[in-house]
PDB file of N, CA and C in Angstrom:
ATOM      1  N   MET A   1      67.851 146.894 109.915  1.00  0.00           N
ATOM      2  CA  MET A   1      66.562 146.862 110.568  1.00  0.00           C
ATOM      3  C   MET A   1      66.261 148.262 111.094  1.00  0.00           C
ATOM      4  N   PRO A   2      65.052 148.773 110.816  1.00  0.00           N
ATOM      5  CA  PRO A   2      64.726 150.114 111.292  1.00  0.00           C
ATOM      6  C   PRO A   2      64.614 150.165 112.808  1.00  0.00           C
ATOM      7  N   THR A   3      65.049 151.262 113.338  1.00  0.00           N
ATOM      8  CA  THR A   3      64.924 151.489 114.778  1.00  0.00           C
ATOM      9  C   THR A   3      64.173 152.784 114.996  1.00  0.00           C
ATOM     10  N   PHE A   4      63.525 152.879 116.131  1.00  0.00           N
ATOM     11  CA  PHE A   4      62.766 154.081 116.470  1.00  0.00           C
ATOM     12  C   PHE A   4      63.600 154.999 117.340  1.00  0.00           C
ATOM     13  N   PRO A   5      63.516 156.259 117.183  1.00  0.00           N
ATOM     14  CA  PRO A   5      62.733 156.991 116.195  1.00  0.00           C
ATOM     15  C   PRO A   5      63.360 156.840 114.807  1.00  0.00           C
ATOM     16  N   LEU A   6      62.505 156.770 113.813  1.00  0.00           N
ATOM     17  CA  LEU A   6      62.973 156.602 112.450  1.00  0.00           C
ATOM     18  C   LEU A   6      63.734 157.836 112.002  1.00  0.00           C
ATOM     19  N   SER A   7      64.856 157.610 111.390  1.00  0.00           N
ATOM     20  CA  SER A   7      65.604 158.749 110.850  1.00  0.00           C
ATOM     21  C   SER A   7      65.367 158.788 109.347  1.00  0.00           C
ATOM     22  N   GLY A   8      65.320 159.954 108.833  1.00  0.00           N
ATOM     23  CA  GLY A   8      65.130 160.094 107.401  1.00  0.00           C
ATOM     24  C   GLY A   8      63.680 160.172 106.978  1.00  0.00           C
ATOM     25  N   PHE A   9      62.756 159.979 107.890  1.00  0.00           N
ATOM     26  CA  PHE A   9      61.348 160.110 107.530  1.00  0.00           C
ATOM     27  C   PHE A   9      61.051 161.566 107.242  1.00  0.00           C
ATOM     28  N   THR A  10      60.404 161.792 106.115  1.00  0.00           N
ATOM     29  CA  THR A  10      60.150 163.162 105.726  1.00  0.00           C
ATOM     30  C   THR A  10      58.804 163.260 105.019  1.00  0.00           C
ATOM     31  N   THR A  11      58.275 164.434 105.048  1.00  0.00           N
ATOM     32  CA  THR A  11      57.032 164.696 104.317  1.00  0.00           C
ATOM     33  C   THR A  11      57.320 165.473 103.038  1.00  0.00           C
ATOM     34  N   GLU A  12      58.564 165.383 102.580  1.00  0.00           N
ATOM     35  CA  GLU A  12      58.989 166.110 101.389  1.00  0.00           C
ATOM     36  C   GLU A  12      58.146 165.756 100.170  1.00  0.00           C
ATOM     37  N   TRP A  13      57.796 164.470 100.017  1.00  0.00           N
ATOM     38  CA  TRP A  13      57.006 164.056  98.851  1.00  0.00           C
ATOM     39  C   TRP A  13      55.624 164.683  98.882  1.00  0.00           C
ATOM     40  N   TYR A  14      55.041 164.822 100.045  1.00  0.00           N
ATOM     41  CA  TYR A  14      53.739 165.468 100.152  1.00  0.00           C
ATOM     42  C   TYR A  14      53.833 166.952  99.793  1.00  0.00           C
ATOM     43  N   ARG A  15      54.909 167.600 100.203  1.00  0.00           N
ATOM     44  CA  ARG A  15      55.102 168.994  99.856  1.00  0.00           C
ATOM     45  C   ARG A  15      55.274 169.156  98.353  1.00  0.00           C
ATOM     46  N   GLN A  16      56.038 168.253  97.739  1.00  0.00           N
ATOM     47  CA  GLN A  16      56.221 168.323  96.291  1.00  0.00           C
ATOM     48  C   GLN A  16      54.902 168.092  95.558  1.00  0.00           C
ATOM     49  N   PHE A  17      54.093 167.188  96.067  1.00  0.00           N
ATOM     50  CA  PHE A  17      52.784 166.960  95.453  1.00  0.00           C
ATOM     51  C   PHE A  17      51.910 168.206  95.572  1.00  0.00           C
ATOM     52  N   ALA A  18      51.913 168.810  96.745  1.00  0.00           N
ATOM     53  CA  ALA A  18      51.060 169.982  96.981  1.00  0.00           C
ATOM     54  C   ALA A  18      51.491 171.182  96.147  1.00  0.00           C
ATOM     55  N   THR A  19      52.740 171.227  95.757  1.00  0.00           N
ATOM     56  CA  THR A  19      53.215 172.371  94.975  1.00  0.00           C
ATOM     57  C   THR A  19      53.259 172.089  93.481  1.00  0.00           C
ATOM     58  N   ASN A  20      52.937 170.868  93.052  1.00  0.00           N
ATOM     59  CA  ASN A  20      52.968 170.521  91.633  1.00  0.00           C
ATOM     60  C   ASN A  20      51.588 170.768  91.023  1.00  0.00           C
ATOM     61  N   PRO A  21      51.439 171.764  90.157  1.00  0.00           N
ATOM     62  CA  PRO A  21      50.119 172.075  89.601  1.00  0.00           C
ATOM     63  C   PRO A  21      49.569 170.993  88.682  1.00  0.00           C
ATOM     64  N   ASP A  22      50.441 170.247  88.012  1.00  0.00           N
ATOM     65  CA  ASP A  22      49.971 169.179  87.132  1.00  0.00           C
ATOM     66  C   ASP A  22      49.314 168.049  87.933  1.00  0.00           C
ATOM     67  N   LEU A  23      49.948 167.669  89.035  1.00  0.00           N
ATOM     68  CA  LEU A  23      49.384 166.607  89.871  1.00  0.00           C
ATOM     69  C   LEU A  23      48.093 167.052  90.542  1.00  0.00           C
ATOM     70  N   LYS A  24      48.049 168.287  91.001  1.00  0.00           N
ATOM     71  CA  LYS A  24      46.816 168.793  91.619  1.00  0.00           C
ATOM     72  C   LYS A  24      45.696 168.884  90.591  1.00  0.00           C
ATOM     73  N   GLY A  25      46.019 169.267  89.366  1.00  0.00           N
ATOM     74  CA  GLY A  25      45.016 169.319  88.299  1.00  0.00           C
ATOM     75  C   GLY A  25      44.479 167.934  87.972  1.00  0.00           C
ATOM     76  N   ALA A  26      45.363 166.936  87.951  1.00  0.00           N
ATOM     77  CA  ALA A  26      44.932 165.565  87.686  1.00  0.00           C
ATOM     78  C   ALA A  26      44.031 165.051  88.807  1.00  0.00           C
ATOM     79  N   LEU A  27      44.357 165.398  90.036  1.00  0.00           N
ATOM     80  CA  LEU A  27      43.532 164.987  91.177  1.00  0.00           C
ATOM     81  C   LEU A  27      42.147 165.622  91.112  1.00  0.00           C
ATOM     82  N   VAL A  28      42.084 166.894  90.763  1.00  0.00           N
ATOM     83  CA  VAL A  28      40.800 167.586  90.648  1.00  0.00           C
ATOM     84  C   VAL A  28      39.975 166.997  89.512  1.00  0.00           C
ATOM     85  N   THR A  29      40.619 166.731  88.373  1.00  0.00           N
ATOM     86  CA  THR A  29      39.907 166.126  87.240  1.00  0.00           C
ATOM     87  C   THR A  29      39.366 164.749  87.607  1.00  0.00           C
ATOM     88  N   SER A  30      40.157 163.945  88.289  1.00  0.00           N
ATOM     89  CA  SER A  30      39.700 162.622  88.718  1.00  0.00           C
ATOM     90  C   SER A  30      38.513 162.720  89.661  1.00  0.00           C
ATOM     91  N   ALA A  31      38.561 163.669  90.574  1.00  0.00           N
ATOM     92  CA  ALA A  31      37.445 163.844  91.506  1.00  0.00           C
ATOM     93  C   ALA A  31      36.186 164.292  90.776  1.00  0.00           C
ATOM     94  N   ILE A  32      36.320 165.189  89.822  1.00  0.00           N
ATOM     95  CA  ILE A  32      35.159 165.653  89.049  1.00  0.00           C
ATOM     96  C   ILE A  32      34.546 164.505  88.252  1.00  0.00           C
ATOM     97  N   VAL A  33      35.385 163.721  87.585  1.00  0.00           N
ATOM     98  CA  VAL A  33      34.892 162.582  86.809  1.00  0.00           C
ATOM     99  C   VAL A  33      34.201 161.578  87.721  1.00  0.00           C
ATOM    100  N   ALA A  34      34.763 161.306  88.874  1.00  0.00           N
ATOM    101  CA  ALA A  34      34.163 160.343  89.800  1.00  0.00           C
ATOM    102  C   ALA A  34      32.809 160.816  90.309  1.00  0.00           C
ATOM    103  N   ILE A  35      32.708 162.071  90.682  1.00  0.00           N
ATOM    104  CA  ILE A  35      31.450 162.599  91.224  1.00  0.00           C
ATOM    105  C   ILE A  35      30.362 162.622  90.162  1.00  0.00           C
ATOM    106  N   ILE A  36      30.695 163.128  88.977  1.00  0.00           N
ATOM    107  CA  ILE A  36      29.687 163.229  87.920  1.00  0.00           C
ATOM    108  C   ILE A  36      29.252 161.855  87.436  1.00  0.00           C
ATOM    109  N   SER A  37      30.206 160.951  87.219  1.00  0.00           N
ATOM    110  CA  SER A  37      29.834 159.627  86.699  1.00  0.00           C
ATOM    111  C   SER A  37      29.049 158.820  87.731  1.00  0.00           C
ATOM    112  N   SER A  38      29.386 158.950  88.990  1.00  0.00           N
ATOM    113  CA  SER A  38      28.630 158.232  90.024  1.00  0.00           C
ATOM    114  C   SER A  38      27.203 158.748  90.112  1.00  0.00           C
ATOM    115  N   ALA A  39      27.057 160.055  90.110  1.00  0.00           N
ATOM    116  CA  ALA A  39      25.722 160.642  90.185  1.00  0.00           C
ATOM    117  C   ALA A  39      24.900 160.320  88.937  1.00  0.00           C
ATOM    118  N   ALA A  40      25.537 160.342  87.775  1.00  0.00           N
ATOM    119  CA  ALA A  40      24.817 160.078  86.529  1.00  0.00           C
ATOM    120  C   ALA A  40      24.481 158.601  86.349  1.00  0.00           C
ATOM    121  N   ALA A  41      25.191 157.707  86.992  1.00  0.00           N
ATOM    122  CA  ALA A  41      24.951 156.279  86.824  1.00  0.00           C
ATOM    123  C   ALA A  41      23.841 155.755  87.729  1.00  0.00           C
ATOM    124  N   VAL A  42      23.538 156.463  88.784  1.00  0.00           N
ATOM    125  CA  VAL A  42      22.553 155.971  89.744  1.00  0.00           C
ATOM    126  C   VAL A  42      21.163 155.867  89.122  1.00  0.00           C
ATOM    127  N   CYS A  43      20.706 156.904  88.457  1.00  0.00           N
ATOM    128  CA  CYS A  43      19.348 156.917  87.903  1.00  0.00           C
ATOM    129  C   CYS A  43      19.135 155.817  86.861  1.00  0.00           C
ATOM    130  N   PRO A  44      19.961 155.706  85.811  1.00  0.00           N
ATOM    131  CA  PRO A  44      19.719 154.624  84.850  1.00  0.00           C
ATOM    132  C   PRO A  44      19.930 153.246  85.455  1.00  0.00           C
ATOM    133  N   GLY A  45      20.858 153.116  86.392  1.00  0.00           N
ATOM    134  CA  GLY A  45      21.085 151.820  87.023  1.00  0.00           C
ATOM    135  C   GLY A  45      19.885 151.362  87.838  1.00  0.00           C
ATOM    136  N   VAL A  46      19.314 152.275  88.610  1.00  0.00           N
ATOM    137  CA  VAL A  46      18.135 151.941  89.419  1.00  0.00           C
ATOM    138  C   VAL A  46      16.939 151.642  88.517  1.00  0.00           C
ATOM    139  N   LEU A  47      16.722 152.471  87.499  1.00  0.00           N
ATOM    140  CA  LEU A  47      15.594 152.244  86.592  1.00  0.00           C
ATOM    141  C   LEU A  47      15.735 150.926  85.842  1.00  0.00           C
ATOM    142  N   ALA A  48      16.940 150.599  85.410  1.00  0.00           N
ATOM    143  CA  ALA A  48      17.151 149.328  84.712  1.00  0.00           C
ATOM    144  C   ALA A  48      16.893 148.138  85.633  1.00  0.00           C
ATOM    145  N   SER A  49      17.337 148.240  86.871  1.00  0.00           N
ATOM    146  CA  SER A  49      17.103 147.123  87.793  1.00  0.00           C
ATOM    147  C   SER A  49      15.625 146.964  88.114  1.00  0.00           C
ATOM    148  N   ILE A  50      14.906 148.069  88.230  1.00  0.00           N
ATOM    149  CA  ILE A  50      13.455 147.985  88.468  1.00  0.00           C
ATOM    150  C   ILE A  50      12.768 147.333  87.288  1.00  0.00           C
ATOM    151  N   ALA A  51      13.165 147.717  86.078  1.00  0.00           N
ATOM    152  CA  ALA A  51      12.563 147.120  84.883  1.00  0.00           C
ATOM    153  C   ALA A  51      12.865 145.629  84.807  1.00  0.00           C
ATOM    154  N   LEU A  52      14.070 145.229  85.161  1.00  0.00           N
ATOM    155  CA  LEU A  52      14.434 143.811  85.080  1.00  0.00           C
ATOM    156  C   LEU A  52      13.778 142.984  86.178  1.00  0.00           C
ATOM    157  N   VAL A  53      13.535 143.580  87.320  1.00  0.00           N
ATOM    158  CA  VAL A  53      12.985 142.824  88.447  1.00  0.00           C
ATOM    159  C   VAL A  53      11.460 142.806  88.421  1.00  0.00           C
ATOM    160  N   ARG A  54      10.833 143.914  88.128  1.00  0.00           N
ATOM    161  CA  ARG A  54       9.383 144.022  88.286  1.00  0.00           C
ATOM    162  C   ARG A  54       8.578 143.824  87.013  1.00  0.00           C
ATOM    163  N   ARG A  55       9.167 143.925  85.867  1.00  0.00           N
ATOM    164  CA  ARG A  55       8.396 143.878  84.622  1.00  0.00           C
ATOM    165  C   ARG A  55       8.704 142.626  83.820  1.00  0.00           C
ATOM    166  N   ARG A  56       7.693 142.166  83.087  1.00  0.00           N
ATOM    167  CA  ARG A  56       7.860 141.092  82.117  1.00  0.00           C
ATOM    168  C   ARG A  56       7.680 141.706  80.744  1.00  0.00           C
ATOM    169  N   PHE A  57       8.638 141.481  79.888  1.00  0.00           N
ATOM    170  CA  PHE A  57       8.543 142.014  78.537  1.00  0.00           C
ATOM    171  C   PHE A  57       9.316 141.120  77.590  1.00  0.00           C
ATOM    172  N   VAL A  58       8.964 141.222  76.321  1.00  0.00           N
ATOM    173  CA  VAL A  58       9.626 140.428  75.296  1.00  0.00           C
ATOM    174  C   VAL A  58      11.071 140.904  75.183  1.00  0.00           C
ATOM    175  N   GLY A  59      11.984 139.973  75.168  1.00  0.00           N
ATOM    176  CA  GLY A  59      13.393 140.324  75.063  1.00  0.00           C
ATOM    177  C   GLY A  59      14.039 140.682  76.382  1.00  0.00           C
ATOM    178  N   LYS A  60      13.429 140.273  77.476  1.00  0.00           N
ATOM    179  CA  LYS A  60      13.972 140.617  78.787  1.00  0.00           C
ATOM    180  C   LYS A  60      15.358 140.002  78.994  1.00  0.00           C
ATOM    181  N   SER A  61      15.536 138.761  78.552  1.00  0.00           N
ATOM    182  CA  SER A  61      16.843 138.126  78.730  1.00  0.00           C
ATOM    183  C   SER A  61      17.907 138.798  77.860  1.00  0.00           C
ATOM    184  N   ALA A  62      17.528 139.223  76.656  1.00  0.00           N
ATOM    185  CA  ALA A  62      18.481 139.932  75.792  1.00  0.00           C
ATOM    186  C   ALA A  62      18.827 141.293  76.386  1.00  0.00           C
ATOM    187  N   ALA A  63      17.828 141.992  76.926  1.00  0.00           N
ATOM    188  CA  ALA A  63      18.076 143.293  77.553  1.00  0.00           C
ATOM    189  C   ALA A  63      18.971 143.130  78.772  1.00  0.00           C
ATOM    190  N   SER A  64      18.740 142.086  79.540  1.00  0.00           N
ATOM    191  CA  SER A  64      19.567 141.830  80.715  1.00  0.00           C
ATOM    192  C   SER A  64      21.004 141.527  80.300  1.00  0.00           C
ATOM    193  N   ALA A  65      21.166 140.714  79.265  1.00  0.00           N
ATOM    194  CA  ALA A  65      22.514 140.386  78.786  1.00  0.00           C
ATOM    195  C   ALA A  65      23.230 141.621  78.257  1.00  0.00           C
ATOM    196  N   LEU A  66      22.518 142.447  77.520  1.00  0.00           N
ATOM    197  CA  LEU A  66      23.123 143.667  76.982  1.00  0.00           C
ATOM    198  C   LEU A  66      23.488 144.636  78.102  1.00  0.00           C
ATOM    199  N   LEU A  67      22.614 144.763  79.081  1.00  0.00           N
ATOM    200  CA  LEU A  67      22.860 145.679  80.188  1.00  0.00           C
ATOM    201  C   LEU A  67      24.050 145.225  81.028  1.00  0.00           C
ATOM    202  N   LEU A  68      24.171 143.931  81.238  1.00  0.00           N
ATOM    203  CA  LEU A  68      25.212 143.406  82.111  1.00  0.00           C
ATOM    204  C   LEU A  68      26.494 143.033  81.365  1.00  0.00           C
ATOM    205  N   ALA A  69      26.536 143.219  80.045  1.00  0.00           N
ATOM    206  CA  ALA A  69      27.720 142.873  79.257  1.00  0.00           C
ATOM    207  C   ALA A  69      28.992 143.578  79.730  1.00  0.00           C
ATOM    208  N   PRO A  70      28.936 144.849  80.113  1.00  0.00           N
ATOM    209  CA  PRO A  70      30.184 145.478  80.578  1.00  0.00           C
ATOM    210  C   PRO A  70      30.790 144.807  81.805  1.00  0.00           C
ATOM    211  N   LEU A  71      30.002 144.055  82.555  1.00  0.00           N
ATOM    212  CA  LEU A  71      30.524 143.392  83.747  1.00  0.00           C
ATOM    213  C   LEU A  71      31.195 142.064  83.422  1.00  0.00           C
ATOM    214  N   VAL A  72      30.901 141.519  82.250  1.00  0.00           N
ATOM    215  CA  VAL A  72      31.422 140.200  81.887  1.00  0.00           C
ATOM    216  C   VAL A  72      32.829 140.310  81.303  1.00  0.00           C
ATOM    217  N   ILE A  73      33.056 141.326  80.493  1.00  0.00           N
ATOM    218  CA  ILE A  73      34.364 141.468  79.872  1.00  0.00           C
ATOM    219  C   ILE A  73      35.311 142.198  80.825  1.00  0.00           C
ATOM    220  N   PRO A  74      36.594 141.902  80.737  1.00  0.00           N
ATOM    221  CA  PRO A  74      37.545 142.598  81.613  1.00  0.00           C
ATOM    222  C   PRO A  74      37.529 144.104  81.346  1.00  0.00           C
ATOM    223  N   TYR A  75      37.726 144.871  82.396  1.00  0.00           N
ATOM    224  CA  TYR A  75      37.650 146.329  82.274  1.00  0.00           C
ATOM    225  C   TYR A  75      38.716 146.892  81.339  1.00  0.00           C
ATOM    226  N   ILE A  76      39.888 146.265  81.297  1.00  0.00           N
ATOM    227  CA  ILE A  76      40.933 146.768  80.410  1.00  0.00           C
ATOM    228  C   ILE A  76      40.524 146.588  78.952  1.00  0.00           C
ATOM    229  N   VAL A  77      39.881 145.464  78.634  1.00  0.00           N
ATOM    230  CA  VAL A  77      39.396 145.231  77.269  1.00  0.00           C
ATOM    231  C   VAL A  77      38.283 146.219  76.947  1.00  0.00           C
ATOM    232  N   PHE A  78      37.401 146.443  77.895  1.00  0.00           N
ATOM    233  CA  PHE A  78      36.312 147.399  77.704  1.00  0.00           C
ATOM    234  C   PHE A  78      36.863 148.805  77.491  1.00  0.00           C
ATOM    235  N   GLY A  79      37.854 149.191  78.275  1.00  0.00           N
ATOM    236  CA  GLY A  79      38.455 150.512  78.156  1.00  0.00           C
ATOM    237  C   GLY A  79      39.148 150.712  76.818  1.00  0.00           C
ATOM    238  N   ILE A  80      39.900 149.719  76.381  1.00  0.00           N
ATOM    239  CA  ILE A  80      40.573 149.817  75.082  1.00  0.00           C
ATOM    240  C   ILE A  80      39.554 149.838  73.953  1.00  0.00           C
ATOM    241  N   SER A  81      38.493 149.050  74.074  1.00  0.00           N
ATOM    242  CA  SER A  81      37.436 149.048  73.052  1.00  0.00           C
ATOM    243  C   SER A  81      36.771 150.416  72.951  1.00  0.00           C
ATOM    244  N   LEU A  82      36.478 151.023  74.094  1.00  0.00           N
ATOM    245  CA  LEU A  82      35.882 152.360  74.069  1.00  0.00           C
ATOM    246  C   LEU A  82      36.845 153.391  73.485  1.00  0.00           C
ATOM    247  N   LEU A  83      38.122 153.268  73.826  1.00  0.00           N
ATOM    248  CA  LEU A  83      39.113 154.180  73.268  1.00  0.00           C
ATOM    249  C   LEU A  83      39.165 154.062  71.747  1.00  0.00           C
ATOM    250  N   LEU A  84      39.171 152.826  71.238  1.00  0.00           N
ATOM    251  CA  LEU A  84      39.181 152.613  69.785  1.00  0.00           C
ATOM    252  C   LEU A  84      37.893 153.115  69.137  1.00  0.00           C
ATOM    253  N   PHE A  85      36.766 152.900  69.807  1.00  0.00           N
ATOM    254  CA  PHE A  85      35.492 153.374  69.268  1.00  0.00           C
ATOM    255  C   PHE A  85      35.462 154.892  69.169  1.00  0.00           C
ATOM    256  N   PHE A  86      35.853 155.561  70.248  1.00  0.00           N
ATOM    257  CA  PHE A  86      35.831 157.023  70.232  1.00  0.00           C
ATOM    258  C   PHE A  86      36.846 157.586  69.240  1.00  0.00           C
ATOM    259  N   HIS A  87      37.962 156.892  69.063  1.00  0.00           N
ATOM    260  CA  HIS A  87      38.939 157.331  68.075  1.00  0.00           C
ATOM    261  C   HIS A  87      38.398 157.162  66.658  1.00  0.00           C
ATOM    262  N   ALA A  88      37.750 156.017  66.395  1.00  0.00           N
ATOM    263  CA  ALA A  88      37.175 155.775  65.066  1.00  0.00           C
ATOM    264  C   ALA A  88      36.029 156.733  64.774  1.00  0.00           C
ATOM    265  N   ALA A  89      35.302 157.131  65.800  1.00  0.00           N
ATOM    266  CA  ALA A  89      34.188 158.071  65.627  1.00  0.00           C
ATOM    267  C   ALA A  89      34.668 159.520  65.634  1.00  0.00           C
ATOM    268  N   ALA A  90      35.973 159.725  65.709  1.00  0.00           N
ATOM    269  CA  ALA A  90      36.586 161.056  65.708  1.00  0.00           C
ATOM    270  C   ALA A  90      36.086 161.922  66.865  1.00  0.00           C
ATOM    271  N   ILE A  91      35.895 161.284  68.020  1.00  0.00           N
ATOM    272  CA  ILE A  91      35.508 162.005  69.226  1.00  0.00           C
ATOM    273  C   ILE A  91      36.757 162.145  70.082  1.00  0.00           C
ATOM    274  N   ALA A  92      37.095 163.357  70.446  1.00  0.00           N
ATOM    275  CA  ALA A  92      38.292 163.596  71.247  1.00  0.00           C
ATOM    276  C   ALA A  92      38.108 162.993  72.639  1.00  0.00           C
ATOM    277  N   VAL A  93      39.130 162.298  73.100  1.00  0.00           N
ATOM    278  CA  VAL A  93      39.076 161.709  74.435  1.00  0.00           C
ATOM    279  C   VAL A  93      39.214 162.854  75.439  1.00  0.00           C
ATOM    280  N   ALA A  94      38.169 163.059  76.193  1.00  0.00           N
ATOM    281  CA  ALA A  94      38.139 164.159  77.158  1.00  0.00           C
ATOM    282  C   ALA A  94      37.369 163.698  78.385  1.00  0.00           C
ATOM    283  N   VAL A  95      37.086 164.629  79.260  1.00  0.00           N
ATOM    284  CA  VAL A  95      36.374 164.325  80.501  1.00  0.00           C
ATOM    285  C   VAL A  95      35.000 163.732  80.196  1.00  0.00           C
ATOM    286  N   VAL A  96      34.324 164.231  79.174  1.00  0.00           N
ATOM    287  CA  VAL A  96      32.986 163.732  78.834  1.00  0.00           C
ATOM    288  C   VAL A  96      33.046 162.260  78.434  1.00  0.00           C
ATOM    289  N   VAL A  97      34.055 161.882  77.680  1.00  0.00           N
ATOM    290  CA  VAL A  97      34.201 160.484  77.261  1.00  0.00           C
ATOM    291  C   VAL A  97      34.464 159.597  78.474  1.00  0.00           C
ATOM    292  N   MET A  98      35.294 160.065  79.396  1.00  0.00           N
ATOM    293  CA  MET A  98      35.562 159.292  80.608  1.00  0.00           C
ATOM    294  C   MET A  98      34.295 159.133  81.441  1.00  0.00           C
ATOM    295  N   VAL A  99      33.513 160.191  81.543  1.00  0.00           N
ATOM    296  CA  VAL A  99      32.267 160.128  82.310  1.00  0.00           C
ATOM    297  C   VAL A  99      31.304 159.137  81.678  1.00  0.00           C
ATOM    298  N   VAL A 100      31.129 159.212  80.358  1.00  0.00           N
ATOM    299  CA  VAL A 100      30.209 158.290  79.666  1.00  0.00           C
ATOM    300  C   VAL A 100      30.662 156.851  79.856  1.00  0.00           C
ATOM    301  N   SER A 101      31.946 156.594  79.731  1.00  0.00           N
ATOM    302  CA  SER A 101      32.464 155.236  79.897  1.00  0.00           C
ATOM    303  C   SER A 101      32.215 154.714  81.310  1.00  0.00           C
ATOM    304  N   LEU A 102      32.448 155.560  82.294  1.00  0.00           N
ATOM    305  CA  LEU A 102      32.215 155.133  83.672  1.00  0.00           C
ATOM    306  C   LEU A 102      30.737 154.973  83.984  1.00  0.00           C
ATOM    307  N   VAL A 103      29.882 155.783  83.383  1.00  0.00           N
ATOM    308  CA  VAL A 103      28.440 155.641  83.598  1.00  0.00           C
ATOM    309  C   VAL A 103      27.972 154.280  83.090  1.00  0.00           C
ATOM    310  N   VAL A 104      28.503 153.837  81.964  1.00  0.00           N
ATOM    311  CA  VAL A 104      28.136 152.522  81.425  1.00  0.00           C
ATOM    312  C   VAL A 104      28.517 151.415  82.401  1.00  0.00           C
ATOM    313  N   VAL A 105      29.734 151.452  82.899  1.00  0.00           N
ATOM    314  CA  VAL A 105      30.204 150.398  83.797  1.00  0.00           C
ATOM    315  C   VAL A 105      29.517 150.477  85.157  1.00  0.00           C
ATOM    316  N   VAL A 106      29.470 151.667  85.741  1.00  0.00           N
ATOM    317  CA  VAL A 106      28.896 151.814  87.082  1.00  0.00           C
ATOM    318  C   VAL A 106      27.384 151.603  87.047  1.00  0.00           C
ATOM    319  N   GLY A 107      26.717 152.063  85.997  1.00  0.00           N
ATOM    320  CA  GLY A 107      25.275 151.837  85.863  1.00  0.00           C
ATOM    321  C   GLY A 107      24.941 150.354  85.805  1.00  0.00           C
ATOM    322  N   ALA A 108      25.742 149.602  85.062  1.00  0.00           N
ATOM    323  CA  ALA A 108      25.527 148.146  84.992  1.00  0.00           C
ATOM    324  C   ALA A 108      25.751 147.490  86.352  1.00  0.00           C
ATOM    325  N   GLU A 109      26.755 147.928  87.064  1.00  0.00           N
ATOM    326  CA  GLU A 109      27.028 147.372  88.390  1.00  0.00           C
ATOM    327  C   GLU A 109      25.911 147.709  89.374  1.00  0.00           C
ATOM    328  N   ILE A 110      25.402 148.917  89.318  1.00  0.00           N
ATOM    329  CA  ILE A 110      24.284 149.305  90.183  1.00  0.00           C
ATOM    330  C   ILE A 110      23.057 148.456  89.869  1.00  0.00           C
ATOM    331  N   ALA A 111      22.752 148.303  88.586  1.00  0.00           N
ATOM    332  CA  ALA A 111      21.592 147.497  88.193  1.00  0.00           C
ATOM    333  C   ALA A 111      21.746 146.056  88.670  1.00  0.00           C
ATOM    334  N   ARG A 112      22.925 145.494  88.521  1.00  0.00           N
ATOM    335  CA  ARG A 112      23.151 144.113  88.949  1.00  0.00           C
ATOM    336  C   ARG A 112      22.987 143.963  90.457  1.00  0.00           C
ATOM    337  N   ARG A 113      23.570 144.875  91.204  1.00  0.00           N
ATOM    338  CA  ARG A 113      23.499 144.754  92.666  1.00  0.00           C
ATOM    339  C   ARG A 113      22.080 144.945  93.202  1.00  0.00           C
ATOM    340  N   ILE A 114      21.350 145.890  92.644  1.00  0.00           N
ATOM    341  CA  ILE A 114      19.978 146.102  93.109  1.00  0.00           C
ATOM    342  C   ILE A 114      19.107 144.922  92.710  1.00  0.00           C
ATOM    343  N   ALA A 115      19.269 144.416  91.489  1.00  0.00           N
ATOM    344  CA  ALA A 115      18.488 143.261  91.051  1.00  0.00           C
ATOM    345  C   ALA A 115      18.795 142.043  91.915  1.00  0.00           C
ATOM    346  N   GLU A 116      20.057 141.855  92.261  1.00  0.00           N
ATOM    347  CA  GLU A 116      20.423 140.739  93.143  1.00  0.00           C
ATOM    348  C   GLU A 116      19.774 140.875  94.507  1.00  0.00           C
ATOM    349  N   ARG A 117      19.747 142.071  95.034  1.00  0.00           N
ATOM    350  CA  ARG A 117      19.128 142.302  96.345  1.00  0.00           C
ATOM    351  C   ARG A 117      17.635 142.015  96.309  1.00  0.00           C
ATOM    352  N   ARG A 118      17.002 142.421  95.227  1.00  0.00           N
ATOM    353  CA  ARG A 118      15.545 142.248  95.126  1.00  0.00           C
ATOM    354  C   ARG A 118      15.158 140.794  94.876  1.00  0.00           C
ATOM    355  N   LEU A 119      15.925 140.076  94.078  1.00  0.00           N
ATOM    356  CA  LEU A 119      15.556 138.709  93.704  1.00  0.00           C
ATOM    357  C   LEU A 119      16.435 137.638  94.328  1.00  0.00           C
ATOM    358  N   GLY A 120      17.608 138.020  94.748  1.00  0.00           N
ATOM    359  CA  GLY A 120      18.553 137.024  95.226  1.00  0.00           C
ATOM    360  C   GLY A 120      19.375 136.450  94.090  1.00  0.00           C
ATOM    361  N   THR A 121      19.070 136.856  92.860  1.00  0.00           N
ATOM    362  CA  THR A 121      19.814 136.412  91.675  1.00  0.00           C
ATOM    363  C   THR A 121      19.649 137.451  90.576  1.00  0.00           C
ATOM    364  N   ILE A 122      20.392 137.316  89.525  1.00  0.00           N
ATOM    365  CA  ILE A 122      20.281 138.231  88.406  1.00  0.00           C
ATOM    366  C   ILE A 122      19.169 137.739  87.489  1.00  0.00           C
ATOM    367  N   PRO A 123      18.196 138.581  87.150  1.00  0.00           N
ATOM    368  CA  PRO A 123      17.083 138.155  86.305  1.00  0.00           C
ATOM    369  C   PRO A 123      17.526 137.940  84.861  1.00  0.00           C
ATOM    370  N   THR A 124      17.036 136.835  84.268  1.00  0.00           N
ATOM    371  CA  THR A 124      17.359 136.560  82.868  1.00  0.00           C
ATOM    372  C   THR A 124      16.114 136.324  82.030  1.00  0.00           C
ATOM    373  N   SER A 125      14.995 136.059  82.668  1.00  0.00           N
ATOM    374  CA  SER A 125      13.780 135.824  81.868  1.00  0.00           C
ATOM    375  C   SER A 125      12.563 136.422  82.541  1.00  0.00           C
TER     376      SER A 125
END
């Protein structure tokens, strides 16, 4: 059973992280992807939710289903599908591919949440 003051507590792992350039590079890349994909997903997500909530058009239910499809399938299946698609299309998996993939998922989530707030439900017709 641990007793206070704790013996053996160290910040050695934090020091090793701070001095490891590979880990710091991965952290910076993750932050860049998160910032860019979040910012890029807001505009299409908001515009899609406005179109679904305020407009009537032919194929509205199909557009809603297509827009919200990334939310229905598990993210791991979606991620593997995108990986296979980009590999088949001979597109190198890089930061741009990660950003595009996240924009699709986050944009759909933004559209769903805004549409729910405006209507109290997800629009289908």
